[in-house]
Every structure is written in C-alpha cells, then in structure tokens.
Amino acid sequence: MVIEISCSEVWREISNYIDDVVVDAELRARMEAHFRVCKHCTAVLDGTRNVIKLVADEAEFEIPAGFGARLYSKLNTGLGKPKS
C-alpha cells in the first residue's frame, strides 16, 4: 500500500528524485504514484528536467537590450519594493 504524498512534499524532494539521491524506496514509490495522478506535479517534474538539460547544454543565448532592467523592475515590484 502506497501512502499519499502532497504536492508540496513532492516539490521539496523533486531535485533529489531527479538526481536519484537521498530518496528512499518508499518515498520514490509515493512520488511515482503521485506523478501518475497529478498533472501539475508531472509538469513541474518535466519542466525541471528540461531546465537541467538546458543548463547542461551550456548553449549561450543573446539577451535582448534592456532585458536586465525590465527583469529587475518586475522582481522588485513582485517583492513589494518601489521602482527605482
């Protein structure tokens, strides 16, 4: 019998699950059962794997002019800091 696991627990362990470290057999089984029924967590798993592939690829991308300033502005606004 596999005991259910919450999405937040899955997210906390998703890196370990992908790296196949520190995830004992019971936790791995619980996570795999969760992935079979939770499309959102499956999307997070797939997205995380895609990011790892992109980073490991070491490809460089040209950033559009002004991107950094726009990014910092959005981050500051989202964090409740005033625009500078």
PDB file of N, CA and C in Angstrom:
ATOM      1  N   MET A   1       0.835  -1.182   0.000  1.00  0.00           N
ATOM      2  CA  MET A   1       0.000   0.000   0.000  1.00  0.00           C
ATOM      3  C   MET A   1       0.883   1.250   0.000  1.00  0.00           C
ATOM      4  N   VAL A   2       0.606   2.170  -0.920  1.00  0.00           N
ATOM      5  CA  VAL A   2       1.370   3.408  -1.021  1.00  0.00           C
ATOM      6  C   VAL A   2       0.597   4.529  -0.336  1.00  0.00           C
ATOM      7  N   ILE A   3       1.240   5.209   0.597  1.00  0.00           N
ATOM      8  CA  ILE A   3       0.617   6.325   1.309  1.00  0.00           C
ATOM      9  C   ILE A   3       0.727   7.567   0.437  1.00  0.00           C
ATOM     10  N   GLU A   4      -0.370   8.326   0.348  1.00  0.00           N
ATOM     11  CA  GLU A   4      -0.379   9.522  -0.481  1.00  0.00           C
ATOM     12  C   GLU A   4       0.645  10.541  -0.009  1.00  0.00           C
ATOM     13  N   ILE A   5       1.045  11.396  -0.934  1.00  0.00           N
ATOM     14  CA  ILE A   5       2.005  12.459  -0.661  1.00  0.00           C
ATOM     15  C   ILE A   5       1.446  13.747  -1.251  1.00  0.00           C
ATOM     16  N   SER A   6       1.668  14.863  -0.579  1.00  0.00           N
ATOM     17  CA  SER A   6       1.144  16.149  -1.049  1.00  0.00           C
ATOM     18  C   SER A   6       2.048  16.738  -2.131  1.00  0.00           C
ATOM     19  N   CYS A   7       1.487  17.674  -2.883  1.00  0.00           N
ATOM     20  CA  CYS A   7       2.269  18.360  -3.913  1.00  0.00           C
ATOM     21  C   CYS A   7       3.466  19.077  -3.297  1.00  0.00           C
ATOM     22  N   SER A   8       3.274  19.736  -2.163  1.00  0.00           N
ATOM     23  CA  SER A   8       4.392  20.467  -1.552  1.00  0.00           C
ATOM     24  C   SER A   8       5.514  19.518  -1.139  1.00  0.00           C
ATOM     25  N   GLU A   9       5.168  18.328  -0.682  1.00  0.00           N
ATOM     26  CA  GLU A   9       6.207  17.347  -0.343  1.00  0.00           C
ATOM     27  C   GLU A   9       6.947  16.902  -1.599  1.00  0.00           C
ATOM     28  N   VAL A  10       6.204  16.712  -2.692  1.00  0.00           N
ATOM     29  CA  VAL A  10       6.820  16.321  -3.966  1.00  0.00           C
ATOM     30  C   VAL A  10       7.791  17.403  -4.414  1.00  0.00           C
ATOM     31  N   TRP A  11       7.367  18.674  -4.350  1.00  0.00           N
ATOM     32  CA  TRP A  11       8.222  19.778  -4.805  1.00  0.00           C
ATOM     33  C   TRP A  11       9.491  19.869  -3.977  1.00  0.00           C
ATOM     34  N   ARG A  12       9.386  19.610  -2.672  1.00  0.00           N
ATOM     35  CA  ARG A  12      10.567  19.656  -1.805  1.00  0.00           C
ATOM     36  C   ARG A  12      11.594  18.598  -2.199  1.00  0.00           C
ATOM     37  N   GLU A  13      11.128  17.483  -2.696  1.00  0.00           N
ATOM     38  CA  GLU A  13      12.019  16.343  -2.986  1.00  0.00           C
ATOM     39  C   GLU A  13      12.312  16.150  -4.467  1.00  0.00           C
ATOM     40  N   ILE A  14      11.758  16.995  -5.329  1.00  0.00           N
ATOM     41  CA  ILE A  14      11.844  16.736  -6.770  1.00  0.00           C
ATOM     42  C   ILE A  14      13.289  16.717  -7.272  1.00  0.00           C
ATOM     43  N   SER A  15      14.147  17.585  -6.736  1.00  0.00           N
ATOM     44  CA  SER A  15      15.546  17.596  -7.155  1.00  0.00           C
ATOM     45  C   SER A  15      16.242  16.291  -6.761  1.00  0.00           C
ATOM     46  N   ASN A  16      15.989  15.856  -5.537  1.00  0.00           N
ATOM     47  CA  ASN A  16      16.578  14.590  -5.091  1.00  0.00           C
ATOM     48  C   ASN A  16      16.047  13.426  -5.925  1.00  0.00           C
ATOM     49  N   TYR A  17      14.760  13.472  -6.269  1.00  0.00           N
ATOM     50  CA  TYR A  17      14.152  12.422  -7.085  1.00  0.00           C
ATOM     51  C   TYR A  17      14.854  12.342  -8.444  1.00  0.00           C
ATOM     52  N   ILE A  18      15.054  13.494  -9.069  1.00  0.00           N
ATOM     53  CA  ILE A  18      15.698  13.532 -10.384  1.00  0.00           C
ATOM     54  C   ILE A  18      17.150  13.059 -10.281  1.00  0.00           C
ATOM     55  N   ASP A  19      17.848  13.523  -9.228  1.00  0.00           N
ATOM     56  CA  ASP A  19      19.258  13.152  -9.047  1.00  0.00           C
ATOM     57  C   ASP A  19      19.432  11.739  -8.509  1.00  0.00           C
ATOM     58  N   ASP A  20      18.329  11.121  -8.103  1.00  0.00           N
ATOM     59  CA  ASP A  20      18.339   9.767  -7.551  1.00  0.00           C
ATOM     60  C   ASP A  20      19.245   9.659  -6.327  1.00  0.00           C
ATOM     61  N   VAL A  21      19.151  10.687  -5.468  1.00  0.00           N
ATOM     62  CA  VAL A  21      19.891  10.666  -4.210  1.00  0.00           C
ATOM     63  C   VAL A  21      18.935  10.944  -3.053  1.00  0.00           C
ATOM     64  N   VAL A  22      19.223  10.420  -1.906  1.00  0.00           N
ATOM     65  CA  VAL A  22      18.507  10.682  -0.665  1.00  0.00           C
ATOM     66  C   VAL A  22      17.003  10.407  -0.770  1.00  0.00           C
ATOM     67  N   VAL A  23      16.581   9.658  -1.743  1.00  0.00           N
ATOM     68  CA  VAL A  23      15.167   9.304  -1.852  1.00  0.00           C
ATOM     69  C   VAL A  23      15.063   7.802  -1.635  1.00  0.00           C
ATOM     70  N   ASP A  24      14.556   7.433  -0.460  1.00  0.00           N
ATOM     71  CA  ASP A  24      14.450   6.003  -0.181  1.00  0.00           C
ATOM     72  C   ASP A  24      13.338   5.380  -1.033  1.00  0.00           C
ATOM     73  N   ALA A  25      13.288   4.083  -1.058  1.00  0.00           N
ATOM     74  CA  ALA A  25      12.361   3.349  -1.927  1.00  0.00           C
ATOM     75  C   ALA A  25      10.911   3.718  -1.642  1.00  0.00           C
ATOM     76  N   GLU A  26      10.559   3.901  -0.372  1.00  0.00           N
ATOM     77  CA  GLU A  26       9.174   4.237  -0.030  1.00  0.00           C
ATOM     78  C   GLU A  26       8.793   5.618  -0.570  1.00  0.00           C
ATOM     79  N   LEU A  27       9.660   6.610  -0.377  1.00  0.00           N
ATOM     80  CA  LEU A  27       9.380   7.959  -0.868  1.00  0.00           C
ATOM     81  C   LEU A  27       9.312   7.969  -2.385  1.00  0.00           C
ATOM     82  N   ARG A  28      10.236   7.271  -3.032  1.00  0.00           N
ATOM     83  CA  ARG A  28      10.215   7.196  -4.502  1.00  0.00           C
ATOM     84  C   ARG A  28       8.899   6.596  -4.981  1.00  0.00           C
ATOM     85  N   ALA A  29       8.423   5.556  -4.349  1.00  0.00           N
ATOM     86  CA  ALA A  29       7.152   4.924  -4.737  1.00  0.00           C
ATOM     87  C   ALA A  29       5.986   5.882  -4.543  1.00  0.00           C
ATOM     88  N   ARG A  30       6.011   6.629  -3.427  1.00  0.00           N
ATOM     89  CA  ARG A  30       4.951   7.604  -3.168  1.00  0.00           C
ATOM     90  C   ARG A  30       4.954   8.705  -4.220  1.00  0.00           C
ATOM     91  N   MET A  31       6.140   9.171  -4.579  1.00  0.00           N
ATOM     92  CA  MET A  31       6.239  10.227  -5.587  1.00  0.00           C
ATOM     93  C   MET A  31       5.785   9.719  -6.953  1.00  0.00           C
ATOM     94  N   GLU A  32       6.199   8.524  -7.320  1.00  0.00           N
ATOM     95  CA  GLU A  32       5.799   7.968  -8.613  1.00  0.00           C
ATOM     96  C   GLU A  32       4.291   7.770  -8.688  1.00  0.00           C
ATOM     97  N   ALA A  33       3.682   7.342  -7.582  1.00  0.00           N
ATOM     98  CA  ALA A  33       2.221   7.207  -7.541  1.00  0.00           C
ATOM     99  C   ALA A  33       1.567   8.573  -7.699  1.00  0.00           C
ATOM    100  N   HIS A  34       2.146   9.579  -7.080  1.00  0.00           N
ATOM    101  CA  HIS A  34       1.615  10.944  -7.176  1.00  0.00           C
ATOM    102  C   HIS A  34       1.716  11.460  -8.611  1.00  0.00           C
ATOM    103  N   PHE A  35       2.854  11.220  -9.258  1.00  0.00           N
ATOM    104  CA  PHE A  35       3.029  11.677 -10.644  1.00  0.00           C
ATOM    105  C   PHE A  35       2.002  11.037 -11.581  1.00  0.00           C
ATOM    106  N   ARG A  36       1.573   9.827 -11.290  1.00  0.00           N
ATOM    107  CA  ARG A  36       0.583   9.150 -12.148  1.00  0.00           C
ATOM    108  C   ARG A  36      -0.783   9.832 -12.102  1.00  0.00           C
ATOM    109  N   VAL A  37      -1.078  10.550 -11.018  1.00  0.00           N
ATOM    110  CA  VAL A  37      -2.410  11.149 -10.894  1.00  0.00           C
ATOM    111  C   VAL A  37      -2.404  12.673 -10.883  1.00  0.00           C
ATOM    112  N   CYS A  38      -1.242  13.306 -10.715  1.00  0.00           N
ATOM    113  CA  CYS A  38      -1.190  14.769 -10.610  1.00  0.00           C
ATOM    114  C   CYS A  38      -0.488  15.362 -11.833  1.00  0.00           C
ATOM    115  N   LYS A  39      -1.273  15.941 -12.721  1.00  0.00           N
ATOM    116  CA  LYS A  39      -0.707  16.531 -13.937  1.00  0.00           C
ATOM    117  C   LYS A  39       0.181  17.731 -13.625  1.00  0.00           C
ATOM    118  N   HIS A  40      -0.188  18.493 -12.590  1.00  0.00           N
ATOM    119  CA  HIS A  40       0.606  19.672 -12.244  1.00  0.00           C
ATOM    120  C   HIS A  40       2.015  19.258 -11.809  1.00  0.00           C
ATOM    121  N   CYS A  41       2.122  18.298 -10.917  1.00  0.00           N
ATOM    122  CA  CYS A  41       3.442  17.855 -10.448  1.00  0.00           C
ATOM    123  C   CYS A  41       4.229  17.175 -11.566  1.00  0.00           C
ATOM    124  N   THR A  42       3.541  16.478 -12.448  1.00  0.00           N
ATOM    125  CA  THR A  42       4.214  15.878 -13.596  1.00  0.00           C
ATOM    126  C   THR A  42       4.792  16.971 -14.484  1.00  0.00           C
ATOM    127  N   ALA A  43       4.048  18.081 -14.644  1.00  0.00           N
ATOM    128  CA  ALA A  43       4.554  19.216 -15.425  1.00  0.00           C
ATOM    129  C   ALA A  43       5.760  19.850 -14.747  1.00  0.00           C
ATOM    130  N   VAL A  44       5.735  19.970 -13.418  1.00  0.00           N
ATOM    131  CA  VAL A  44       6.880  20.503 -12.673  1.00  0.00           C
ATOM    132  C   VAL A  44       8.089  19.586 -12.858  1.00  0.00           C
ATOM    133  N   LEU A  45       7.871  18.281 -12.783  1.00  0.00           N
ATOM    134  CA  LEU A  45       8.954  17.316 -12.985  1.00  0.00           C
ATOM    135  C   LEU A  45       9.543  17.457 -14.389  1.00  0.00           C
ATOM    136  N   ASP A  46       8.682  17.490 -15.400  1.00  0.00           N
ATOM    137  CA  ASP A  46       9.153  17.624 -16.785  1.00  0.00           C
ATOM    138  C   ASP A  46       9.875  18.952 -16.999  1.00  0.00           C
ATOM    139  N   GLY A  47       9.319  20.029 -16.436  1.00  0.00           N
ATOM    140  CA  GLY A  47       9.941  21.345 -16.562  1.00  0.00           C
ATOM    141  C   GLY A  47      11.306  21.395 -15.899  1.00  0.00           C
ATOM    142  N   THR A  48      11.418  20.795 -14.733  1.00  0.00           N
ATOM    143  CA  THR A  48      12.691  20.768 -14.018  1.00  0.00           C
ATOM    144  C   THR A  48      13.728  19.987 -14.825  1.00  0.00           C
ATOM    145  N   ARG A  49      13.310  18.871 -15.371  1.00  0.00           N
ATOM    146  CA  ARG A  49      14.230  18.084 -16.218  1.00  0.00           C
ATOM    147  C   ARG A  49      14.668  18.893 -17.439  1.00  0.00           C
ATOM    148  N   ASN A  50      13.746  19.654 -18.033  1.00  0.00           N
ATOM    149  CA  ASN A  50      14.082  20.476 -19.198  1.00  0.00           C
ATOM    150  C   ASN A  50      15.087  21.561 -18.843  1.00  0.00           C
ATOM    151  N   VAL A  51      14.913  22.194 -17.688  1.00  0.00           N
ATOM    152  CA  VAL A  51      15.854  23.226 -17.245  1.00  0.00           C
ATOM    153  C   VAL A  51      17.240  22.618 -17.050  1.00  0.00           C
ATOM    154  N   ILE A  52      17.288  21.446 -16.452  1.00  0.00           N
ATOM    155  CA  ILE A  52      18.573  20.777 -16.247  1.00  0.00           C
ATOM    156  C   ILE A  52      19.246  20.506 -17.590  1.00  0.00           C
ATOM    157  N   LYS A  53      18.469  20.049 -18.575  1.00  0.00           N
ATOM    158  CA  LYS A  53      19.035  19.792 -19.906  1.00  0.00           C
ATOM    159  C   LYS A  53      19.561  21.075 -20.543  1.00  0.00           C
ATOM    160  N   LEU A  54      18.793  22.171 -20.406  1.00  0.00           N
ATOM    161  CA  LEU A  54      19.220  23.442 -20.991  1.00  0.00           C
ATOM    162  C   LEU A  54      20.502  23.948 -20.342  1.00  0.00           C
ATOM    163  N   VAL A  55      20.570  23.870 -19.031  1.00  0.00           N
ATOM    164  CA  VAL A  55      21.758  24.342 -18.315  1.00  0.00           C
ATOM    165  C   VAL A  55      22.959  23.463 -18.650  1.00  0.00           C
ATOM    166  N   ALA A  56      22.745  22.180 -18.727  1.00  0.00           N
ATOM    167  CA  ALA A  56      23.840  21.250 -19.018  1.00  0.00           C
ATOM    168  C   ALA A  56      24.343  21.409 -20.447  1.00  0.00           C
ATOM    169  N   ASP A  57      23.494  21.947 -21.322  1.00  0.00           N
ATOM    170  CA  ASP A  57      23.846  22.125 -22.726  1.00  0.00           C
ATOM    171  C   ASP A  57      24.926  23.194 -22.902  1.00  0.00           C
ATOM    172  N   GLU A  58      25.005  24.128 -21.969  1.00  0.00           N
ATOM    173  CA  GLU A  58      25.968  25.220 -21.985  1.00  0.00           C
ATOM    174  C   GLU A  58      25.829  26.125 -23.206  1.00  0.00           C
ATOM    175  N   ALA A  59      24.685  26.088 -23.875  1.00  0.00           N
ATOM    176  CA  ALA A  59      24.459  26.981 -25.001  1.00  0.00           C
ATOM    177  C   ALA A  59      24.286  28.400 -24.476  1.00  0.00           C
ATOM    178  N   GLU A  60      24.740  29.357 -25.234  1.00  0.00           N
ATOM    179  CA  GLU A  60      24.607  30.758 -24.844  1.00  0.00           C
ATOM    180  C   GLU A  60      23.503  31.398 -25.668  1.00  0.00           C
ATOM    181  N   PHE A  61      22.735  32.261 -25.021  1.00  0.00           N
ATOM    182  CA  PHE A  61      21.659  32.961 -25.684  1.00  0.00           C
ATOM    183  C   PHE A  61      21.896  34.454 -25.558  1.00  0.00           C
ATOM    184  N   GLU A  62      21.633  35.183 -26.630  1.00  0.00           N
ATOM    185  CA  GLU A  62      21.775  36.632 -26.583  1.00  0.00           C
ATOM    186  C   GLU A  62      20.529  37.206 -25.914  1.00  0.00           C
ATOM    187  N   ILE A  63      20.752  38.027 -24.903  1.00  0.00           N
ATOM    188  CA  ILE A  63      19.659  38.644 -24.162  1.00  0.00           C
ATOM    189  C   ILE A  63      19.306  39.963 -24.850  1.00  0.00           C
ATOM    190  N   PRO A  64      17.994  40.210 -25.070  1.00  0.00           N
ATOM    191  CA  PRO A  64      17.583  41.466 -25.716  1.00  0.00           C
ATOM    192  C   PRO A  64      17.990  42.692 -24.887  1.00  0.00           C
ATOM    193  N   ALA A  65      18.257  43.794 -25.567  1.00  0.00           N
ATOM    194  CA  ALA A  65      18.640  45.039 -24.889  1.00  0.00           C
ATOM    195  C   ALA A  65      17.563  45.433 -23.884  1.00  0.00           C
ATOM    196  N   GLY A  66      17.969  45.834 -22.706  1.00  0.00           N
ATOM    197  CA  GLY A  66      17.041  46.290 -21.673  1.00  0.00           C
ATOM    198  C   GLY A  66      16.390  45.173 -20.881  1.00  0.00           C
ATOM    199  N   PHE A  67      16.692  43.928 -21.200  1.00  0.00           N
ATOM    200  CA  PHE A  67      16.057  42.804 -20.517  1.00  0.00           C
ATOM    201  C   PHE A  67      16.360  42.809 -19.023  1.00  0.00           C
ATOM    202  N   GLY A  68      17.619  43.028 -18.680  1.00  0.00           N
ATOM    203  CA  GLY A  68      18.022  43.017 -17.272  1.00  0.00           C
ATOM    204  C   GLY A  68      17.257  44.052 -16.457  1.00  0.00           C
ATOM    205  N   ALA A  69      17.143  45.273 -16.987  1.00  0.00           N
ATOM    206  CA  ALA A  69      16.429  46.338 -16.275  1.00  0.00           C
ATOM    207  C   ALA A  69      14.957  45.974 -16.099  1.00  0.00           C
ATOM    208  N   ARG A  70      14.339  45.432 -17.155  1.00  0.00           N
ATOM    209  CA  ARG A  70      12.926  45.032 -17.061  1.00  0.00           C
ATOM    210  C   ARG A  70      12.738  43.898 -16.064  1.00  0.00           C
ATOM    211  N   LEU A  71      13.655  42.954 -16.050  1.00  0.00           N
ATOM    212  CA  LEU A  71      13.581  41.833 -15.116  1.00  0.00           C
ATOM    213  C   LEU A  71      13.671  42.329 -13.678  1.00  0.00           C
ATOM    214  N   TYR A  72      14.675  43.165 -13.391  1.00  0.00           N
ATOM    215  CA  TYR A  72      14.823  43.693 -12.028  1.00  0.00           C
ATOM    216  C   TYR A  72      13.610  44.506 -11.611  1.00  0.00           C
ATOM    217  N   SER A  73      13.048  45.265 -12.531  1.00  0.00           N
ATOM    218  CA  SER A  73      11.857  46.060 -12.215  1.00  0.00           C
ATOM    219  C   SER A  73      10.689  45.163 -11.827  1.00  0.00           C
ATOM    220  N   LYS A  74      10.475  44.101 -12.597  1.00  0.00           N
ATOM    221  CA  LYS A  74       9.380  43.171 -12.294  1.00  0.00           C
ATOM    222  C   LYS A  74       9.629  42.438 -10.980  1.00  0.00           C
ATOM    223  N   LEU A  75      10.866  42.036 -10.745  1.00  0.00           N
ATOM    224  CA  LEU A  75      11.194  41.358  -9.485  1.00  0.00           C
ATOM    225  C   LEU A  75      10.962  42.287  -8.295  1.00  0.00           C
ATOM    226  N   ASN A  76      11.422  43.524  -8.418  1.00  0.00           N
ATOM    227  CA  ASN A  76      11.235  44.476  -7.331  1.00  0.00           C
ATOM    228  C   ASN A  76       9.762  44.762  -7.085  1.00  0.00           C
ATOM    229  N   THR A  77       8.981  44.882  -8.139  1.00  0.00           N
ATOM    230  CA  THR A  77       7.545  45.112  -7.996  1.00  0.00           C
ATOM    231  C   THR A  77       6.886  43.908  -7.332  1.00  0.00           C
ATOM    232  N   GLY A  78       7.273  42.713  -7.741  1.00  0.00           N
ATOM    233  CA  GLY A  78       6.706  41.499  -7.171  1.00  0.00           C
ATOM    234  C   GLY A  78       7.083  41.300  -5.717  1.00  0.00           C
ATOM    235  N   LEU A  79       8.231  41.843  -5.324  1.00  0.00           N
ATOM    236  CA  LEU A  79       8.693  41.713  -3.941  1.00  0.00           C
ATOM    237  C   LEU A  79       8.212  42.881  -3.079  1.00  0.00           C
ATOM    238  N   GLY A  80       7.441  43.788  -3.687  1.00  0.00           N
ATOM    239  CA  GLY A  80       6.897  44.905  -2.934  1.00  0.00           C
ATOM    240  C   GLY A  80       7.856  46.061  -2.788  1.00  0.00           C
ATOM    241  N   LYS A  81       8.939  46.070  -3.564  1.00  0.00           N
ATOM    242  CA  LYS A  81       9.883  47.171  -3.495  1.00  0.00           C
ATOM    243  C   LYS A  81       9.498  48.219  -4.549  1.00  0.00           C
ATOM    244  N   PRO A  82       9.676  49.470  -4.254  1.00  0.00           N
ATOM    245  CA  PRO A  82       9.347  50.517  -5.229  1.00  0.00           C
ATOM    246  C   PRO A  82      10.288  50.488  -6.415  1.00  0.00           C
ATOM    247  N   LYS A  83       9.782  50.926  -7.564  1.00  0.00           N
ATOM    248  CA  LYS A  83      10.629  51.009  -8.757  1.00  0.00           C
ATOM    249  C   LYS A  83      11.646  52.108  -8.569  1.00  0.00           C
ATOM    250  N   SER A  84      12.859  51.903  -9.098  1.00  0.00           N
ATOM    251  CA  SER A  84      13.879  52.949  -8.969  1.00  0.00           C
ATOM    252  C   SER A  84      14.100  53.638 -10.287  1.00  0.00           C
TER     253      SER A  84
END
